[in-house]
């Protein structure tokens, strides 16, 4: 069961402290910036952040559980990290592209 949600910026701390973080699964969205937050804390966080206030309402409707509605709401309304995403795509493309147009051709002259 998903008990926490967070953004890419939360990955390192979450990974290093995983044995000390209570609950079940931690869902990380790679295209948003958000500290790892327990679903149970959304209402409290919602007192100062409208994103969490809305998420708390969505979660409450679903008996305190993460839902498709919450999973669609979060990436649509959280701080998106488009620059990082674009850099990641460019890095992946560069990694998988052949060294040049002839990189996959057999050696013709030996």
Protein backbone atom coordinates (compact mmCIF):
# COMPACT_ATOMS: atom_id res chain seq x y z
CA UNK A 1 0.00 0.00 0.00
CA UNK A 2 1.32 3.46 -0.89
CA UNK A 3 1.90 5.52 2.25
CA UNK A 4 4.15 8.34 1.01
CA UNK A 5 4.47 10.49 -2.12
CA UNK A 6 7.43 12.56 -3.21
CA UNK A 7 9.33 14.06 -6.09
CA UNK A 8 12.69 13.33 -7.64
CA UNK A 9 14.42 15.62 -5.16
CA UNK A 10 13.35 13.25 -2.35
CA UNK A 11 14.99 10.12 -3.79
CA UNK A 12 18.41 10.33 -2.16
CA UNK A 13 17.18 11.08 1.37
CA UNK A 14 14.39 8.53 1.04
CA UNK A 15 16.78 5.82 -0.12
CA UNK A 16 19.35 6.53 2.59
CA UNK A 17 16.72 6.64 5.34
CA UNK A 18 14.33 3.96 4.08
CA UNK A 19 14.77 1.64 7.08
CA UNK A 20 13.76 4.53 9.37
CA UNK A 21 10.70 5.71 7.42
CA UNK A 22 7.56 3.95 8.64
CA UNK A 23 4.77 2.79 6.38
CA UNK A 24 4.54 0.94 3.12
CA UNK A 25 5.47 1.93 -0.41
CA UNK A 26 6.97 5.29 -1.25
CA UNK A 27 5.84 6.54 -4.66
CA UNK A 28 8.28 8.93 -6.36
CA UNK A 29 7.28 11.13 -9.29
CA UNK A 30 10.39 11.80 -11.37
CA UNK A 31 8.97 14.90 -13.04
CA UNK A 32 7.99 16.90 -9.95
CA UNK A 33 9.73 18.51 -7.01
CA UNK A 34 8.20 17.56 -3.66
CA UNK A 35 9.59 16.37 -0.36
CA UNK A 36 8.59 12.85 0.62
CA UNK A 37 5.30 13.28 2.49
CA UNK A 38 3.16 10.72 4.26
CA UNK A 39 -0.38 10.57 2.90
CA UNK A 40 -1.55 10.73 6.51
CA UNK A 41 0.13 14.16 6.80
CA UNK A 42 -1.57 15.75 3.78
CA UNK A 43 -4.25 17.51 5.86
CA UNK A 44 -1.63 19.00 8.21
CA UNK A 45 0.55 20.09 5.27
CA UNK A 46 -2.59 21.47 3.62
CA UNK A 47 -2.82 24.13 6.32
CA UNK A 48 0.06 25.93 4.59
CA UNK A 49 0.07 24.49 1.05
CA UNK A 50 -3.01 24.39 -1.21
CA UNK A 51 -1.60 21.42 -3.14
CA UNK A 52 -1.71 19.26 -0.02
CA UNK A 53 -5.09 20.67 0.99
CA UNK A 54 -6.58 19.42 -2.28
CA UNK A 55 -4.74 16.10 -2.05
CA UNK A 56 -6.02 15.64 1.52
CA UNK A 57 -9.59 16.08 0.26
CA UNK A 58 -9.05 13.59 -2.55
CA UNK A 59 -7.48 11.04 -0.20
CA UNK A 60 -10.28 11.50 2.35
CA UNK A 61 -12.90 10.64 -0.28
CA UNK A 62 -10.97 7.42 -0.94
CA UNK A 63 -10.88 6.39 2.75
CA UNK A 64 -7.34 7.65 3.35
CA UNK A 65 -5.83 5.81 0.40
CA UNK A 66 -3.92 6.99 -2.62
CA UNK A 67 -6.10 6.73 -5.70
CA UNK A 68 -6.06 7.25 -9.44
CA UNK A 69 -7.60 10.67 -8.82
CA UNK A 70 -4.73 11.65 -6.49
CA UNK A 71 -2.15 10.22 -8.87
CA UNK A 72 -3.56 12.29 -11.72
CA UNK A 73 -3.95 15.45 -9.63
CA UNK A 74 -0.41 15.54 -8.24
CA UNK A 75 1.63 15.69 -11.45
CA UNK A 76 -0.87 18.12 -12.98
CA UNK A 77 -0.55 20.61 -10.10
CA UNK A 78 2.87 20.10 -8.49
CA UNK A 79 6.07 21.95 -9.33
CA UNK A 80 7.14 20.34 -12.61
CA UNK A 81 10.81 19.89 -13.43
CA UNK A 82 10.80 20.20 -17.25
CA UNK A 83 14.45 21.26 -17.58
CA UNK A 84 15.68 18.20 -15.73
CA UNK A 85 13.40 15.99 -17.81
CA UNK A 86 14.71 17.47 -21.04
CA UNK A 87 18.30 16.98 -19.89
CA UNK A 88 17.54 13.39 -18.97
CA UNK A 89 16.03 12.69 -22.40
CA UNK A 90 19.02 14.25 -24.17
CA UNK A 91 21.44 12.20 -22.05
CA UNK A 92 19.55 9.00 -22.78
CA UNK A 93 19.46 9.75 -26.50
CA UNK A 94 23.20 10.45 -26.55
CA UNK A 95 23.88 7.23 -24.67
CA UNK A 96 21.87 5.05 -27.04
CA UNK A 97 22.86 6.69 -30.34
CA UNK A 98 25.55 4.91 -32.32
CA UNK A 99 28.98 6.51 -32.44
CA UNK A 100 28.30 7.72 -35.97
CA UNK A 101 26.49 6.86 -39.17
CA UNK A 102 28.91 4.00 -39.90
CA UNK A 103 29.06 2.60 -36.36
CA UNK A 104 26.82 -0.36 -37.14
CA UNK A 105 28.21 -1.13 -40.59
CA UNK A 106 30.69 -4.01 -40.88
CA UNK A 107 34.24 -3.14 -41.62
CA UNK A 108 34.51 -3.23 -45.42
CA UNK A 109 38.25 -2.94 -45.81
CA UNK A 110 40.60 -5.02 -43.72
